[in-house]
N, C-alpha and C. Protein backbone atom coordinates (compact mmCIF):
# COMPACT_ATOMS: atom_id res chain seq x y z
N UNK A 1 29.59 -47.15 62.43
CA UNK A 1 28.34 -46.07 62.73
C UNK A 1 28.68 -45.68 63.89
N UNK A 2 28.40 -44.19 64.07
CA UNK A 2 28.52 -43.46 65.06
C UNK A 2 27.89 -42.46 65.39
N UNK A 3 27.52 -41.99 66.72
CA UNK A 3 26.42 -41.36 67.22
C UNK A 3 27.04 -40.05 67.49
N UNK A 4 26.39 -38.69 66.81
CA UNK A 4 27.14 -37.44 67.33
C UNK A 4 25.79 -36.85 68.14
N UNK A 5 26.42 -36.78 69.72
CA UNK A 5 25.42 -36.01 70.55
C UNK A 5 25.61 -34.45 70.38
N UNK A 6 24.98 -33.58 70.04
CA UNK A 6 24.79 -32.27 70.19
C UNK A 6 24.14 -31.75 71.40
N UNK A 7 25.10 -31.11 72.35
CA UNK A 7 24.39 -30.86 73.36
C UNK A 7 24.58 -29.05 73.87
N UNK A 8 23.19 -28.69 74.08
CA UNK A 8 23.36 -27.15 74.35
C UNK A 8 23.94 -26.88 75.52
N UNK A 9 24.59 -25.87 75.57
CA UNK A 9 25.37 -25.33 77.07
C UNK A 9 24.39 -25.19 77.72
N UNK A 10 24.76 -25.14 79.03
CA UNK A 10 24.00 -24.50 80.30
C UNK A 10 23.68 -23.28 80.31
N UNK A 11 22.48 -22.86 81.06
CA UNK A 11 22.22 -21.34 81.27
C UNK A 11 23.21 -20.37 81.20
N UNK A 12 23.34 -19.52 80.75
CA UNK A 12 24.47 -18.60 80.54
C UNK A 12 24.09 -17.22 81.40
N UNK A 13 25.17 -16.47 82.03
CA UNK A 13 24.58 -15.21 82.31
C UNK A 13 24.17 -14.23 81.20
N UNK A 14 23.52 -13.27 81.60
CA UNK A 14 22.90 -12.14 80.41
C UNK A 14 24.10 -11.78 79.47
N UNK A 15 23.52 -12.34 78.27
CA UNK A 15 24.43 -12.16 77.39
C UNK A 15 24.14 -10.97 76.39
N UNK A 16 22.90 -10.46 76.63
CA UNK A 16 22.82 -9.11 76.00
C UNK A 16 23.44 -8.30 76.10
N UNK A 17 24.37 -8.34 77.40
CA UNK A 17 25.59 -7.26 77.46
C UNK A 17 26.93 -7.91 77.25
N UNK A 18 27.04 -9.02 77.20
CA UNK A 18 28.21 -9.73 76.76
C UNK A 18 28.12 -10.92 76.07
N UNK A 19 28.04 -11.09 74.57
CA UNK A 19 27.93 -12.47 74.28
C UNK A 19 28.59 -13.66 74.39
N UNK A 20 29.85 -13.38 75.25
CA UNK A 20 30.75 -14.60 75.99
C UNK A 20 30.43 -14.66 77.39
N UNK A 21 29.20 -14.86 77.50
CA UNK A 21 29.12 -15.08 78.97
C UNK A 21 29.20 -16.43 79.54
N UNK A 22 29.75 -16.50 81.15
CA UNK A 22 30.15 -17.71 81.71
C UNK A 22 28.92 -18.40 81.94
N UNK A 23 28.46 -19.89 82.42
CA UNK A 23 27.77 -20.34 83.01
C UNK A 23 27.14 -19.61 84.08
N UNK A 24 25.78 -19.63 84.70
CA UNK A 24 25.37 -18.95 85.78
C UNK A 24 25.26 -20.28 86.66
N UNK A 25 24.88 -20.27 87.96
CA UNK A 25 24.83 -21.32 88.69
C UNK A 25 24.09 -22.51 88.30
N UNK A 26 22.89 -21.87 87.99
CA UNK A 26 21.75 -23.17 87.40
C UNK A 26 22.60 -23.78 86.12
N UNK A 27 23.31 -22.87 85.20
CA UNK A 27 24.26 -23.49 83.97
C UNK A 27 24.97 -24.79 84.62
N UNK A 28 25.92 -24.14 85.58
CA UNK A 28 26.46 -25.41 85.94
C UNK A 28 25.98 -26.72 86.56
N UNK A 29 24.89 -26.61 87.26
CA UNK A 29 24.10 -27.74 87.44
C UNK A 29 23.77 -28.47 86.45
N UNK A 30 23.18 -27.66 85.24
CA UNK A 30 22.68 -28.44 84.07
C UNK A 30 23.62 -29.12 83.34
N UNK A 31 25.06 -28.43 83.22
CA UNK A 31 25.97 -29.05 82.80
C UNK A 31 26.49 -30.24 83.28
N UNK A 32 26.44 -30.06 84.51
CA UNK A 32 26.77 -31.43 85.51
C UNK A 32 25.36 -32.58 85.42
N UNK A 33 24.57 -32.12 85.16
CA UNK A 33 22.97 -33.12 85.10
C UNK A 33 23.46 -34.07 83.81
N UNK A 34 23.66 -33.26 82.64
CA UNK A 34 23.84 -33.71 81.06
C UNK A 34 25.13 -34.48 81.28
N UNK A 35 26.11 -34.17 82.04
CA UNK A 35 27.32 -35.02 82.00
C UNK A 35 27.13 -36.41 82.56
N UNK A 36 26.47 -36.38 83.68
CA UNK A 36 25.75 -37.66 84.30
C UNK A 36 24.80 -38.46 83.55
N UNK A 37 24.10 -37.82 82.48
CA UNK A 37 23.12 -38.31 81.68
C UNK A 37 24.09 -39.47 80.67
N UNK A 38 25.14 -38.66 80.29
CA UNK A 38 25.80 -39.13 79.00
C UNK A 38 26.67 -40.35 79.57
N UNK A 39 27.20 -40.11 80.94
CA UNK A 39 27.89 -41.14 81.67
C UNK A 39 26.88 -42.29 81.59
N UNK A 40 25.72 -42.09 82.36
CA UNK A 40 24.82 -43.35 82.14
C UNK A 40 24.46 -44.13 81.05
N UNK A 41 24.54 -43.23 79.86
CA UNK A 41 24.66 -43.97 78.57
C UNK A 41 25.52 -44.80 78.19
N UNK A 42 26.54 -44.58 78.98
CA UNK A 42 27.97 -45.65 78.64
C UNK A 42 28.82 -45.05 77.87
N UNK A 43 29.01 -43.80 77.97
CA UNK A 43 29.96 -42.71 76.79
C UNK A 43 31.30 -42.62 77.50
N UNK A 44 31.70 -42.92 78.30
CA UNK A 44 33.00 -42.84 79.07
C UNK A 44 34.19 -42.94 77.77
N UNK A 45 35.09 -41.87 77.59
CA UNK A 45 35.96 -42.09 77.00
C UNK A 45 35.78 -41.25 75.73
N UNK A 46 34.85 -40.66 75.31
CA UNK A 46 34.19 -40.36 74.03
C UNK A 46 34.79 -39.40 73.60
N UNK A 47 35.33 -38.83 72.36
CA UNK A 47 35.53 -37.57 71.97
C UNK A 47 34.59 -36.47 72.37
N UNK A 48 35.08 -35.34 72.90
CA UNK A 48 34.10 -34.42 73.40
C UNK A 48 34.65 -32.90 72.65
N UNK A 49 33.81 -32.38 71.77
CA UNK A 49 34.32 -31.19 70.95
C UNK A 49 33.58 -30.12 71.70
N UNK A 50 34.06 -28.67 71.59
CA UNK A 50 33.33 -27.52 71.97
C UNK A 50 33.66 -26.23 71.20
N UNK A 51 32.51 -25.20 70.86
CA UNK A 51 33.19 -23.95 70.38
C UNK A 51 34.13 -23.14 71.34
N UNK A 52 34.29 -21.95 71.13
CA UNK A 52 35.34 -21.28 71.82
C UNK A 52 34.55 -20.40 72.68
N UNK A 53 33.39 -20.50 72.95
CA UNK A 53 32.71 -19.63 73.96
C UNK A 53 32.86 -20.12 75.22
N UNK A 54 32.72 -19.25 76.18
CA UNK A 54 32.86 -19.74 77.91
C UNK A 54 31.95 -20.67 77.94
N UNK A 55 30.48 -20.15 77.67
CA UNK A 55 29.56 -21.30 78.21
C UNK A 55 29.59 -22.64 77.60
N UNK A 56 30.03 -22.57 76.34
CA UNK A 56 30.22 -23.79 75.43
C UNK A 56 31.56 -24.52 76.29
N UNK A 57 32.54 -23.77 76.58
CA UNK A 57 33.76 -24.44 76.97
C UNK A 57 33.56 -25.10 78.52
N UNK A 58 32.81 -24.42 79.37
CA UNK A 58 32.52 -25.09 80.39
C UNK A 58 31.73 -26.03 80.55
N UNK A 59 30.72 -26.08 79.55
CA UNK A 59 29.83 -27.18 79.40
C UNK A 59 30.51 -28.54 79.32
N UNK A 60 31.62 -28.37 78.21
CA UNK A 60 32.18 -29.20 77.70
C UNK A 60 33.39 -29.62 78.49
N UNK A 61 33.50 -28.98 79.51
CA UNK A 61 34.74 -29.37 80.33
C UNK A 61 34.06 -30.22 81.84
N UNK A 62 32.90 -29.80 82.03
CA UNK A 62 31.89 -30.79 82.77
C UNK A 62 31.70 -32.09 82.36
N UNK A 63 31.39 -32.10 81.06
CA UNK A 63 31.09 -33.51 80.35
C UNK A 63 32.40 -34.42 79.97
N UNK A 64 33.61 -33.50 79.72
CA UNK A 64 34.70 -34.12 79.56
C UNK A 64 35.49 -34.83 80.93
N UNK A 65 35.08 -34.20 81.94
CA UNK A 65 35.46 -34.55 83.41
C UNK A 65 34.65 -35.69 83.93
N UNK A 66 33.34 -35.92 83.60
CA UNK A 66 32.34 -37.04 83.80
C UNK A 66 32.81 -38.06 82.85
N UNK A 67 33.19 -38.14 81.71
CA UNK A 67 33.64 -39.23 80.80
C UNK A 67 35.05 -39.54 80.84
N UNK A 68 35.77 -39.00 81.48
CA UNK A 68 36.90 -39.44 81.44
C UNK A 68 37.92 -39.03 79.74
N UNK A 69 37.62 -37.57 79.54
CA UNK A 69 37.92 -37.20 78.10
C UNK A 69 38.60 -36.27 78.30
N UNK A 70 39.36 -35.81 77.26
CA UNK A 70 39.92 -34.51 77.03
C UNK A 70 38.90 -33.78 75.97
N UNK A 71 38.44 -32.51 76.61
CA UNK A 71 38.06 -31.54 75.26
C UNK A 71 38.53 -31.08 74.37
N UNK A 72 38.31 -30.69 73.08
CA UNK A 72 38.96 -30.09 72.05
C UNK A 72 37.74 -29.12 71.49
N UNK A 73 38.57 -28.08 71.38
CA UNK A 73 38.00 -26.78 70.85
C UNK A 73 37.95 -26.49 69.19
N UNK A 74 36.73 -26.42 69.14
CA UNK A 74 36.71 -26.05 67.39
C UNK A 74 35.47 -24.68 67.17
N UNK A 75 36.32 -23.56 66.60
CA UNK A 75 35.39 -22.19 66.96
C UNK A 75 34.42 -22.42 66.13
N UNK A 76 34.18 -23.45 65.23
CA UNK A 76 33.20 -23.26 64.09
C UNK A 76 31.54 -23.80 64.61
N UNK A 77 32.07 -24.45 65.72
CA UNK A 77 30.73 -24.62 66.64
C UNK A 77 30.17 -23.48 67.49
N UNK A 78 30.91 -22.17 67.36
CA UNK A 78 30.38 -21.15 68.03
C UNK A 78 28.87 -20.67 67.76
N UNK A 79 28.47 -20.22 68.36
CA UNK A 79 26.92 -19.58 68.11
C UNK A 79 27.08 -18.08 67.23
N UNK A 80 26.00 -18.07 66.68
CA UNK A 80 26.06 -16.51 66.02
C UNK A 80 26.15 -15.27 66.88
N UNK A 81 26.69 -14.34 66.40
CA UNK A 81 26.82 -12.90 67.40
C UNK A 81 25.64 -12.28 67.53
N UNK A 82 24.87 -12.54 68.95
CA UNK A 82 23.62 -12.41 69.34
C UNK A 82 23.81 -10.80 69.57
N UNK A 83 24.72 -10.07 70.18
CA UNK A 83 24.80 -8.43 70.41
C UNK A 83 24.59 -8.11 69.06
N UNK A 84 25.37 -8.32 68.09
CA UNK A 84 25.48 -7.83 66.89
C UNK A 84 23.93 -7.84 66.08
N UNK A 85 23.67 -8.90 65.94
CA UNK A 85 22.19 -9.16 65.48
C UNK A 85 21.00 -8.21 66.20
N UNK A 86 20.95 -8.29 67.64
CA UNK A 86 19.92 -7.58 68.02
C UNK A 86 20.10 -6.05 68.24
N UNK A 87 21.52 -5.81 68.27
CA UNK A 87 21.90 -4.17 68.19
C UNK A 87 22.04 -3.73 67.06
N UNK A 88 22.27 -4.39 65.59
CA UNK A 88 22.33 -3.77 64.49
C UNK A 88 21.60 -2.67 64.15
N UNK A 89 22.02 -1.48 63.83
CA UNK A 89 21.32 -0.20 63.49
C UNK A 89 20.37 -0.40 62.56
N UNK A 90 20.67 -0.98 61.14
CA UNK A 90 20.03 -1.39 60.08
C UNK A 90 18.71 -2.00 60.38
N UNK A 91 19.11 -3.15 61.45
CA UNK A 91 17.85 -4.11 61.79
C UNK A 91 16.67 -3.26 62.47
N UNK A 92 17.38 -2.36 63.54
CA UNK A 92 16.00 -1.46 64.25
C UNK A 92 15.48 -0.58 63.16
N UNK A 93 16.23 -0.14 62.34
CA UNK A 93 15.36 0.98 61.31
C UNK A 93 14.31 0.12 60.49
N UNK A 94 14.69 -0.98 60.26
CA UNK A 94 13.93 -1.83 59.59
C UNK A 94 12.88 -2.68 60.44
N UNK A 95 13.15 -2.35 61.41
CA UNK A 95 11.79 -3.28 62.69
C UNK A 95 10.56 -3.20 61.98
N UNK A 96 9.77 -3.57 62.49
CA UNK A 96 8.26 -3.61 62.67
C UNK A 96 7.86 -2.97 63.90
N UNK A 97 6.40 -2.51 63.42
CA UNK A 97 5.96 -1.80 64.83
C UNK A 97 5.89 -2.60 65.82
N UNK A 98 5.59 -3.78 65.87
CA UNK A 98 5.41 -4.35 66.93
C UNK A 98 6.70 -4.77 67.74
N UNK A 99 7.62 -4.81 66.84
CA UNK A 99 9.04 -4.92 67.31
C UNK A 99 9.68 -3.81 68.03
N UNK A 100 9.37 -2.73 67.48
CA UNK A 100 9.56 -1.26 68.17
C UNK A 100 8.94 -1.34 69.49
N UNK A 101 7.93 -1.52 69.62
CA UNK A 101 7.07 -1.68 70.73
C UNK A 101 7.51 -2.63 71.72
N UNK A 102 8.26 -3.78 71.29
CA UNK A 102 8.87 -4.81 72.12
C UNK A 102 10.41 -4.01 72.53
N UNK A 103 11.04 -3.46 71.75
CA UNK A 103 12.09 -2.71 72.40
C UNK A 103 12.06 -1.69 73.48
N UNK A 104 11.02 -1.16 73.39
CA UNK A 104 10.16 -0.03 74.76
C UNK A 104 10.20 -0.83 75.68
N UNK A 105 9.52 -2.19 75.67
CA UNK A 105 9.14 -2.72 76.72
C UNK A 105 10.06 -3.55 77.09
N UNK A 106 11.12 -3.75 76.38
CA UNK A 106 12.45 -4.72 76.85
C UNK A 106 11.88 -6.13 76.75
N UNK A 107 11.27 -6.50 75.68
CA UNK A 107 11.10 -7.88 75.47
C UNK A 107 12.10 -8.57 74.42
N UNK A 108 13.04 -8.89 75.24
CA UNK A 108 14.14 -9.83 74.63
C UNK A 108 13.96 -10.58 73.51
N UNK A 109 13.30 -11.41 73.71
CA UNK A 109 12.90 -12.28 72.76
C UNK A 109 12.39 -12.18 71.35
N UNK A 110 11.41 -11.24 71.54
CA UNK A 110 10.82 -10.59 70.64
C UNK A 110 11.88 -10.03 69.50
N UNK A 111 12.71 -9.31 70.49
CA UNK A 111 13.59 -8.42 69.40
C UNK A 111 14.27 -9.39 68.71
N UNK A 112 15.07 -10.48 69.49
CA UNK A 112 15.76 -11.58 69.21
C UNK A 112 15.15 -11.88 67.91
N UNK A 113 14.28 -12.42 67.85
CA UNK A 113 13.28 -13.23 66.77
C UNK A 113 13.37 -12.28 65.52
N UNK A 114 12.99 -10.91 65.82
CA UNK A 114 13.09 -9.95 64.82
C UNK A 114 14.42 -9.54 64.02
N UNK A 115 15.40 -9.90 64.82
CA UNK A 115 16.63 -9.79 64.27
C UNK A 115 17.23 -10.58 63.53
N UNK A 116 16.81 -12.10 64.09
CA UNK A 116 17.24 -13.26 63.41
C UNK A 116 16.61 -13.21 62.21
N UNK A 117 15.07 -13.14 62.31
CA UNK A 117 14.51 -13.35 60.93
C UNK A 117 14.86 -12.43 59.58
N UNK A 118 15.25 -11.17 60.22
CA UNK A 118 16.32 -10.27 59.15
C UNK A 118 17.09 -10.25 58.65
N UNK A 119 18.12 -10.72 59.67
CA UNK A 119 19.67 -11.31 59.47
C UNK A 119 19.46 -12.76 58.42
N UNK A 120 18.86 -13.21 58.59
CA UNK A 120 18.71 -14.65 57.98
C UNK A 120 17.72 -14.19 56.26
N UNK A 121 17.10 -13.39 56.19
CA UNK A 121 16.30 -13.17 54.97
C UNK A 121 16.89 -12.13 53.97
N UNK A 122 17.79 -11.65 54.56
CA UNK A 122 18.55 -10.80 53.39
C UNK A 122 19.92 -11.04 53.01
N UNK A 123 20.64 -10.30 52.16
CA UNK A 123 21.86 -10.56 51.55
C UNK A 123 22.61 -9.49 52.53
N UNK A 124 23.08 -10.08 53.72
CA UNK A 124 23.44 -9.24 54.89
C UNK A 124 24.84 -9.13 55.04
N UNK A 125 25.43 -9.68 53.93
CA UNK A 125 27.17 -9.75 54.14
C UNK A 125 27.77 -8.52 54.23
N UNK A 126 27.48 -7.54 54.01
CA UNK A 126 27.93 -5.89 54.01
C UNK A 126 27.57 -5.53 55.13
N UNK A 127 26.75 -6.18 56.06
CA UNK A 127 25.67 -5.39 57.31
C UNK A 127 26.42 -5.89 58.58
N UNK A 128 26.81 -7.32 58.58
CA UNK A 128 27.32 -8.28 59.70
C UNK A 128 28.57 -8.56 59.72
N UNK A 129 29.61 -8.82 60.63
CA UNK A 129 30.73 -9.47 60.43
C UNK A 129 30.61 -10.65 60.04
N UNK A 130 29.70 -11.31 60.41
CA UNK A 130 29.43 -12.47 59.93
C UNK A 130 28.07 -12.85 59.35
N UNK A 131 27.92 -13.17 57.84
CA UNK A 131 26.20 -13.52 57.26
C UNK A 131 25.72 -14.43 57.96
N UNK A 132 24.69 -14.55 57.55
CA UNK A 132 23.82 -15.78 57.92
C UNK A 132 24.28 -16.98 57.05
N UNK A 133 24.82 -16.71 55.87
CA UNK A 133 25.40 -17.56 54.83
C UNK A 133 26.53 -18.13 55.37
N UNK A 134 27.34 -17.12 55.77
CA UNK A 134 28.59 -17.61 56.26
C UNK A 134 28.20 -18.44 57.57
N UNK A 135 27.64 -18.25 58.38
CA UNK A 135 27.41 -18.98 59.66
C UNK A 135 26.59 -20.24 59.15
N UNK A 136 25.95 -20.22 58.31
CA UNK A 136 25.29 -21.55 58.08
C UNK A 136 26.52 -22.73 57.32
N UNK A 137 27.19 -22.14 56.35
CA UNK A 137 28.36 -22.75 55.78
C UNK A 137 29.63 -23.13 57.24
N UNK A 138 29.76 -22.61 57.82
CA UNK A 138 30.76 -22.93 58.87
C UNK A 138 30.25 -24.08 59.82
N UNK A 139 28.92 -23.96 60.14
CA UNK A 139 28.47 -24.72 61.17
C UNK A 139 28.00 -26.31 60.51
N UNK A 140 27.68 -25.97 59.11
CA UNK A 140 27.63 -27.66 58.47
C UNK A 140 28.86 -28.07 58.01
N UNK A 141 29.68 -27.22 57.98
CA UNK A 141 31.23 -27.86 57.70
C UNK A 141 32.07 -28.46 58.90
N UNK A 142 31.48 -27.95 60.02
CA UNK A 142 32.02 -28.62 61.46
C UNK A 142 31.28 -29.74 61.48
N UNK A 143 29.91 -29.84 60.95
CA UNK A 143 29.10 -31.12 61.09
C UNK A 143 29.65 -32.17 60.27
N UNK A 144 30.10 -31.48 59.32
CA UNK A 144 30.24 -32.53 57.86
C UNK A 144 31.86 -33.21 58.30
N UNK A 145 32.43 -32.39 59.13
CA UNK A 145 33.88 -33.03 59.73
C UNK A 145 33.63 -34.02 60.71
N UNK A 146 32.62 -33.74 61.49
CA UNK A 146 32.23 -34.76 62.62
C UNK A 146 32.08 -36.20 62.29
N UNK A 147 31.29 -35.92 61.09
CA UNK A 147 30.67 -37.44 60.80
C UNK A 147 31.74 -38.07 59.86
N UNK A 148 33.13 -37.71 59.97
CA UNK A 148 34.17 -38.19 59.04
C UNK A 148 34.80 -39.11 60.39
N UNK A 149 34.75 -38.60 61.52
CA UNK A 149 35.34 -39.31 62.85
C UNK A 149 34.79 -40.77 63.35
N UNK A 150 35.72 -41.24 63.54
CA UNK A 150 35.33 -42.77 64.04
C UNK A 150 34.47 -42.58 65.47
N UNK A 151 33.84 -43.70 65.83
CA UNK A 151 32.92 -43.69 67.05
C UNK A 151 32.00 -42.53 67.32
N UNK A 152 31.73 -42.17 68.51
CA UNK A 152 30.75 -41.13 69.19
C UNK A 152 31.49 -40.03 69.21
N UNK A 153 30.43 -38.95 69.23
CA UNK A 153 31.13 -37.66 69.57
C UNK A 153 30.06 -36.93 70.29
N UNK A 154 30.57 -36.33 71.40
CA UNK A 154 29.67 -35.12 72.11
C UNK A 154 30.57 -33.81 71.73
N UNK A 155 29.37 -32.80 71.03
CA UNK A 155 29.75 -31.61 70.88
C UNK A 155 29.00 -30.66 71.85
N UNK A 156 29.62 -30.00 72.83
CA UNK A 156 28.87 -28.57 73.22
C UNK A 156 28.90 -27.42 72.60
N UNK A 157 27.53 -27.04 71.92
CA UNK A 157 27.57 -25.93 71.29
C UNK A 157 26.23 -24.97 71.61
N UNK A 158 25.65 -24.47 70.71
CA UNK A 158 24.29 -23.56 71.04
C UNK A 158 23.52 -23.66 70.20
N UNK A 159 22.14 -23.03 70.69
CA UNK A 159 20.73 -23.32 69.96
C UNK A 159 20.79 -23.01 68.60
N UNK A 160 21.55 -21.87 67.72
CA UNK A 160 21.42 -21.63 67.06
C UNK A 160 22.07 -22.74 66.23
N UNK A 161 23.30 -23.20 66.21
CA UNK A 161 23.95 -24.20 65.95
C UNK A 161 23.35 -25.44 65.40
N UNK A 162 22.89 -25.83 66.88
CA UNK A 162 21.73 -27.19 66.96
C UNK A 162 20.99 -27.08 65.78
N UNK A 163 20.07 -25.78 65.87
CA UNK A 163 18.72 -25.66 65.14
C UNK A 163 19.13 -25.61 63.46
N UNK A 164 20.34 -25.31 63.26
CA UNK A 164 21.06 -25.09 61.93
C UNK A 164 21.10 -26.61 61.27
N UNK A 165 21.75 -27.78 62.26
CA UNK A 165 22.08 -28.73 61.61
C UNK A 165 20.48 -29.56 61.64
N UNK A 166 19.79 -29.37 62.78
CA UNK A 166 18.53 -30.07 62.35
C UNK A 166 17.62 -29.60 61.03
N UNK A 167 17.67 -28.36 61.14
CA UNK A 167 16.92 -27.70 59.85
C UNK A 167 17.21 -28.02 58.55
N UNK A 168 18.92 -28.14 58.25
CA UNK A 168 19.34 -28.89 57.38
C UNK A 168 18.75 -30.29 56.95
N UNK A 169 18.81 -31.04 57.96
CA UNK A 169 17.97 -32.31 57.77
C UNK A 169 16.38 -32.45 57.44
N UNK A 170 15.86 -31.10 57.76
CA UNK A 170 14.54 -31.17 57.07
C UNK A 170 14.38 -30.23 56.10
N UNK A 171 15.40 -29.96 55.47
CA UNK A 171 15.19 -29.30 53.80
C UNK A 171 16.19 -28.26 53.94
N UNK A 172 16.57 -27.45 54.98
CA UNK A 172 17.44 -26.29 55.19
C UNK A 172 16.60 -24.91 54.95
N UNK A 173 15.53 -24.96 55.18
CA UNK A 173 14.64 -23.96 54.97
C UNK A 173 14.92 -22.79 56.42
N UNK A 174 14.92 -21.58 56.10
CA UNK A 174 15.07 -20.86 57.26
C UNK A 174 14.04 -20.43 57.93
N UNK A 175 13.09 -20.82 57.84
CA UNK A 175 11.82 -20.98 58.72
C UNK A 175 11.91 -22.17 59.80
N UNK A 176 12.44 -23.34 59.12
CA UNK A 176 12.73 -24.48 59.87
C UNK A 176 13.81 -24.26 61.07
N UNK A 177 14.76 -23.48 60.36
CA UNK A 177 16.15 -23.04 61.43
C UNK A 177 15.22 -22.21 62.38
N UNK A 178 14.72 -21.42 62.51
CA UNK A 178 13.97 -20.21 62.98
C UNK A 178 13.54 -21.08 64.13
N UNK A 179 12.42 -21.79 63.74
CA UNK A 179 11.52 -22.68 64.48
C UNK A 179 12.18 -23.46 65.30
N UNK A 180 13.32 -24.24 64.86
CA UNK A 180 14.11 -25.08 65.85
C UNK A 180 15.20 -24.65 66.78
N UNK A 181 15.78 -23.65 66.73
CA UNK A 181 16.58 -22.91 67.52
C UNK A 181 15.90 -22.20 68.59
N UNK A 182 14.38 -21.86 68.11
CA UNK A 182 13.76 -21.21 69.26
C UNK A 182 13.50 -22.12 70.63
N UNK A 183 13.64 -23.31 70.13
CA UNK A 183 13.05 -24.07 71.28
C UNK A 183 14.25 -25.14 71.88
N UNK A 184 15.25 -24.76 71.71
CA UNK A 184 16.36 -25.95 72.25
C UNK A 184 16.73 -25.52 73.80
N UNK A 185 16.31 -26.28 74.47
CA UNK A 185 16.42 -26.45 76.07
C UNK A 185 18.03 -26.01 76.24
N UNK A 186 18.25 -25.27 77.35
CA UNK A 186 19.68 -25.53 78.00
C UNK A 186 20.07 -27.03 78.24
N UNK A 187 21.36 -27.33 78.01
CA UNK A 187 21.66 -28.74 78.07
C UNK A 187 20.96 -30.07 77.91
N UNK A 188 20.24 -29.93 76.83
CA UNK A 188 19.48 -30.65 76.32
C UNK A 188 20.33 -31.73 75.26
N UNK A 189 19.64 -32.47 75.09
CA UNK A 189 20.45 -33.77 73.85
C UNK A 189 20.09 -33.85 72.32
N UNK A 190 20.44 -33.40 71.35
CA UNK A 190 19.86 -33.93 70.12
C UNK A 190 21.14 -34.83 69.64
N UNK A 191 20.43 -35.98 69.02
CA UNK A 191 21.22 -37.19 68.77
C UNK A 191 21.10 -37.52 67.43
N UNK A 192 22.24 -37.79 66.79
CA UNK A 192 22.25 -37.96 65.09
C UNK A 192 22.92 -39.35 65.06
N UNK A 193 22.52 -40.15 64.03
CA UNK A 193 23.20 -41.45 63.83
C UNK A 193 24.30 -41.13 62.58
N UNK A 194 25.32 -41.57 62.25
CA UNK A 194 25.80 -41.18 60.91
C UNK A 194 26.35 -43.03 60.38
N UNK A 195 25.29 -43.40 59.77
CA UNK A 195 25.42 -44.61 58.89
C UNK A 195 25.57 -44.42 57.52
N UNK A 196 25.62 -45.47 56.98
CA UNK A 196 25.85 -45.66 55.55
C UNK A 196 25.11 -44.85 54.60
N UNK A 197 23.84 -44.49 54.96
CA UNK A 197 22.72 -43.66 54.18
C UNK A 197 23.26 -42.09 54.74
N UNK A 198 23.81 -41.83 55.49
CA UNK A 198 24.14 -40.75 55.84
C UNK A 198 23.64 -40.48 57.38
N UNK A 199 23.58 -39.11 57.73
CA UNK A 199 23.25 -38.57 58.84
C UNK A 199 21.31 -38.67 59.24
N UNK A 200 21.10 -39.31 60.20
CA UNK A 200 19.58 -39.50 60.48
C UNK A 200 19.31 -38.86 62.01
N UNK A 201 18.39 -38.10 61.78
CA UNK A 201 17.95 -37.59 63.58
C UNK A 201 17.27 -38.64 64.39
N UNK A 202 17.93 -38.67 65.58
CA UNK A 202 17.61 -39.55 66.61
C UNK A 202 16.61 -39.21 67.66
N UNK A 203 16.84 -37.98 67.73
CA UNK A 203 16.37 -37.39 68.79
C UNK A 203 16.66 -36.11 68.94
N UNK A 204 15.49 -35.27 69.22
CA UNK A 204 15.72 -33.78 69.16
C UNK A 204 15.48 -32.94 70.61
N UNK A 205 16.32 -32.12 70.92
CA UNK A 205 15.97 -31.71 72.21
C UNK A 205 15.64 -32.53 73.58
N UNK A 206 16.12 -33.89 73.62
CA UNK A 206 15.78 -34.38 74.68
C UNK A 206 16.12 -33.69 75.99
N UNK A 207 15.60 -33.67 77.13
CA UNK A 207 15.62 -32.86 78.19
C UNK A 207 15.01 -33.57 79.42
N UNK A 208 14.65 -34.79 79.17
CA UNK A 208 14.02 -35.75 80.30
C UNK A 208 15.11 -35.75 81.45
N UNK A 209 16.45 -35.84 81.25
CA UNK A 209 17.58 -36.13 82.39
C UNK A 209 17.35 -34.42 83.04
N UNK A 210 16.63 -33.55 82.88
CA UNK A 210 16.67 -32.21 83.51
C UNK A 210 15.40 -32.09 84.21
N UNK A 211 14.63 -32.96 84.43
CA UNK A 211 13.29 -33.14 85.10
C UNK A 211 13.53 -34.13 86.12
N UNK A 212 13.06 -33.37 87.32
CA UNK A 212 13.75 -34.22 88.72
C UNK A 212 12.53 -34.71 89.15
N UNK A 213 12.76 -35.31 90.38
CA UNK A 213 11.58 -35.92 91.17
C UNK A 213 10.21 -35.32 91.37
N UNK A 214 8.89 -36.03 91.04
CA UNK A 214 7.80 -35.07 91.19
C UNK A 214 7.65 -34.26 89.78
N UNK A 215 8.52 -34.49 88.93
CA UNK A 215 8.36 -33.54 87.59
C UNK A 215 8.75 -31.85 88.09
N UNK A 216 9.83 -32.09 89.01
CA UNK A 216 10.38 -30.73 89.13
C UNK A 216 11.09 -30.33 87.93
N UNK A 217 10.78 -29.03 87.45
CA UNK A 217 11.17 -28.40 86.35
C UNK A 217 12.17 -27.02 86.34
N UNK A 218 13.10 -26.85 87.82
CA UNK A 218 13.77 -25.90 87.72
C UNK A 218 14.93 -26.05 86.73
N UNK A 219 15.39 -27.05 86.11
CA UNK A 219 16.34 -27.15 85.67
C UNK A 219 16.29 -26.91 83.72
N UNK A 220 14.86 -26.82 84.03
CA UNK A 220 14.41 -26.55 82.61
C UNK A 220 14.38 -25.18 82.05
N UNK A 221 15.23 -24.72 81.05
CA UNK A 221 15.33 -23.39 80.91
C UNK A 221 15.86 -22.92 79.58
N UNK A 222 15.29 -21.94 78.86
CA UNK A 222 15.53 -21.72 77.59
C UNK A 222 16.56 -20.73 77.31
N UNK A 223 16.70 -19.77 78.06
CA UNK A 223 17.64 -18.53 77.97
C UNK A 223 18.74 -18.60 79.30
């Protein structure tokens, strides 16, 4: 029986202009903090995986350094293409009036929410480089492979990926995915145990390690 720890990367620089942005100063502090928490849990020497994005790799490197492990890249743990989904011309033409108003106000979260819903609710295979279905398939394939590995595994990945895995355990409904991925905090830990009866969720979005003395929440971020 092994535990798979899905860690969301630390806060990244504004990736509305570049989807492969590095960690911010706060993001690096978050990565170092979650690395210290995993060390405290006695995970020294465990396997560390990460996607190919800079923010995922930098988070994994901080964790691997703290645990005395070597990190391994697997691009299947990459996030969806934020820039394409938000900027897709078809999505904007189909956007609701409220989203058009959000575009005018620069409300990035509302724009993203509408874009993700559109991407996930239509047969978009011809409209995007990667459809929602293909994204789902590669993420779940990466997770399935992780469950075949001996011992514990730490994976530095992103909110959409973590949300997809959790939603699959909740029945795989798109609305569950949208809800789960929306609330995943930077450098939070989602823990799943891989036992004889399959994968079970132990903890979702655990971020108590990010809350400082006196309840300081400076390291608790969503974007």
